[in-house]
Amino acid sequence: MGRRAKSRDFLSPFSGYSAEFIAQVCGISVGSAHHFKSGRRKPPTPVLRLFRLYRDQKVLGPEWSGFRAVRGKIWCPDGRPISRSDLEHFSLVFQILAEKDNALYHEMLDQFSKEA
């Protein structure tokens, strides 16, 4: 019996992404990204996990720089924690404000947009 050739017909978790993007997201060289993407080399588990976090949109973008997620709360750059219930309450307050005083609601949205 002869040895079977390795099949390159597999669905890589990196399919649809450039090697440059993979390298940037995972902190690896572009050469390694090419090898992982093509199936020539098997990526280490931490590289796969990190890439999947980005691919599955479980990582916040650069506009969240300075924020941290620790023990179920989001910590602002100034050190204030925000919990899930805080966000739900903020949303409710803004919905009420939009109904009661639409002009003030839009003014506040504009202010928040300028600060971001």
Protein backbone atom coordinates (compact mmCIF):
# COMPACT_ATOMS: atom_id res chain seq x y z
CA MET A 1 0.00 0.00 0.00
CA GLY A 2 1.28 3.42 -0.91
CA ARG A 3 1.07 6.49 1.24
CA ARG A 4 -1.83 8.82 0.63
CA ALA A 5 -0.95 12.33 -0.41
CA LYS A 6 -2.03 15.05 1.95
CA SER A 7 -5.19 16.65 0.73
CA ARG A 8 -5.12 20.40 0.37
CA ASP A 9 -8.90 20.43 -0.03
CA PHE A 10 -9.86 21.72 3.38
CA LEU A 11 -11.68 24.74 4.64
CA SER A 12 -9.16 26.92 6.43
CA PRO A 13 -10.42 29.18 9.22
CA PHE A 14 -8.40 31.86 7.39
CA SER A 15 -10.32 31.51 4.10
CA GLY A 16 -11.39 34.85 2.70
CA TYR A 17 -8.78 36.86 4.60
CA SER A 18 -5.46 38.15 3.30
CA ALA A 19 -2.23 36.88 4.80
CA GLU A 20 -1.38 40.49 5.67
CA PHE A 21 -4.61 40.86 7.69
CA ILE A 22 -4.05 37.52 9.44
CA ALA A 23 -0.50 38.54 10.30
CA GLN A 24 -1.63 41.89 11.71
CA VAL A 25 -4.46 40.44 13.78
CA CYS A 26 -2.45 37.52 15.16
CA GLY A 27 0.92 39.23 15.59
CA ILE A 28 2.72 36.80 13.29
CA SER A 29 4.82 37.19 10.16
CA VAL A 30 3.15 37.41 6.77
CA GLY A 31 5.13 34.31 5.75
CA SER A 32 3.68 32.29 8.63
CA ALA A 33 0.21 33.56 7.78
CA HIS A 34 0.68 32.34 4.18
CA HIS A 35 1.73 28.91 5.48
CA PHE A 36 -1.24 28.67 7.87
CA LYS A 37 -3.69 29.92 5.24
CA SER A 38 -2.49 27.42 2.63
CA GLY A 39 -2.40 24.49 5.02
CA ARG A 40 1.36 23.93 4.65
CA ARG A 41 1.74 24.45 8.39
CA LYS A 42 -0.68 23.98 11.23
CA PRO A 43 -1.23 27.20 13.21
CA PRO A 44 -0.66 27.03 16.97
CA THR A 45 -3.82 26.98 19.07
CA PRO A 46 -3.31 30.55 20.45
CA VAL A 47 -3.10 31.91 16.87
CA LEU A 48 -6.33 30.12 15.93
CA ARG A 49 -8.12 31.36 19.04
CA LEU A 50 -7.01 34.95 18.54
CA PHE A 51 -7.98 34.93 14.87
CA ARG A 52 -11.40 33.44 15.62
CA LEU A 53 -12.05 36.20 18.16
CA TYR A 54 -11.49 38.79 15.43
CA ARG A 55 -13.28 36.79 12.71
CA ASP A 56 -16.34 36.22 14.89
CA GLN A 57 -16.38 39.90 15.91
CA LYS A 58 -15.78 39.23 19.57
CA VAL A 59 -13.09 41.89 19.77
CA LEU A 60 -13.89 45.59 19.89
CA GLY A 61 -12.44 47.95 17.29
CA PRO A 62 -9.90 50.74 17.76
CA GLU A 63 -12.56 53.24 18.84
CA TRP A 64 -12.69 51.28 22.12
CA SER A 65 -9.00 51.89 22.84
CA GLY A 66 -8.42 52.31 26.57
CA PHE A 67 -11.54 50.35 27.56
CA ARG A 68 -11.13 46.98 29.30
CA ALA A 69 -13.49 44.09 29.96
CA VAL A 70 -12.93 42.58 33.40
CA ARG A 71 -15.26 40.32 35.38
CA GLY A 72 -18.46 41.16 33.54
CA LYS A 73 -17.93 44.92 33.43
CA ILE A 74 -16.52 47.32 30.89
CA TRP A 75 -14.00 49.70 32.45
CA CYS A 76 -13.73 53.16 30.93
CA PRO A 77 -10.31 54.71 30.32
CA ASP A 78 -10.97 57.02 33.30
CA GLY A 79 -11.42 54.01 35.61
CA ARG A 80 -15.22 53.91 35.87
CA PRO A 81 -16.90 50.50 35.54
CA ILE A 82 -20.02 50.02 33.42
CA SER A 83 -22.10 46.87 33.87
CA ARG A 84 -24.60 45.30 31.50
CA SER A 85 -27.47 46.63 33.61
CA ASP A 86 -25.95 50.14 33.45
CA LEU A 87 -26.03 49.97 29.65
CA GLU A 88 -29.63 48.76 29.71
CA HIS A 89 -30.58 51.66 32.00
CA PHE A 90 -28.76 54.19 29.79
CA SER A 91 -30.66 52.84 26.80
CA LEU A 92 -33.99 53.15 28.61
CA VAL A 93 -33.24 56.71 29.76
CA PHE A 94 -32.37 57.73 26.21
CA GLN A 95 -35.56 56.13 24.85
CA ILE A 96 -37.62 58.10 27.38
CA LEU A 97 -35.70 61.29 26.58
CA ALA A 98 -36.30 60.77 22.84
CA GLU A 99 -40.05 60.59 23.48
CA LYS A 100 -40.21 63.53 25.91
CA ASP A 101 -37.74 65.98 24.37
CA ASN A 102 -36.53 64.95 20.94
CA ALA A 103 -34.44 68.10 20.44
CA LEU A 104 -32.52 67.52 23.71
CA TYR A 105 -32.10 63.86 22.80
CA HIS A 106 -30.42 64.77 19.48
CA GLU A 107 -28.35 67.46 21.16
CA MET A 108 -26.99 64.89 23.61
CA LEU A 109 -26.30 62.40 20.81
CA ASP A 110 -24.36 65.09 18.94
CA GLN A 111 -22.36 65.85 22.10
CA PHE A 112 -21.50 62.18 22.60
CA SER A 113 -20.47 61.87 18.95
CA LYS A 114 -18.06 64.81 19.31
CA GLU A 115 -16.48 63.25 22.40
CA ALA A 116 -15.91 59.88 20.70
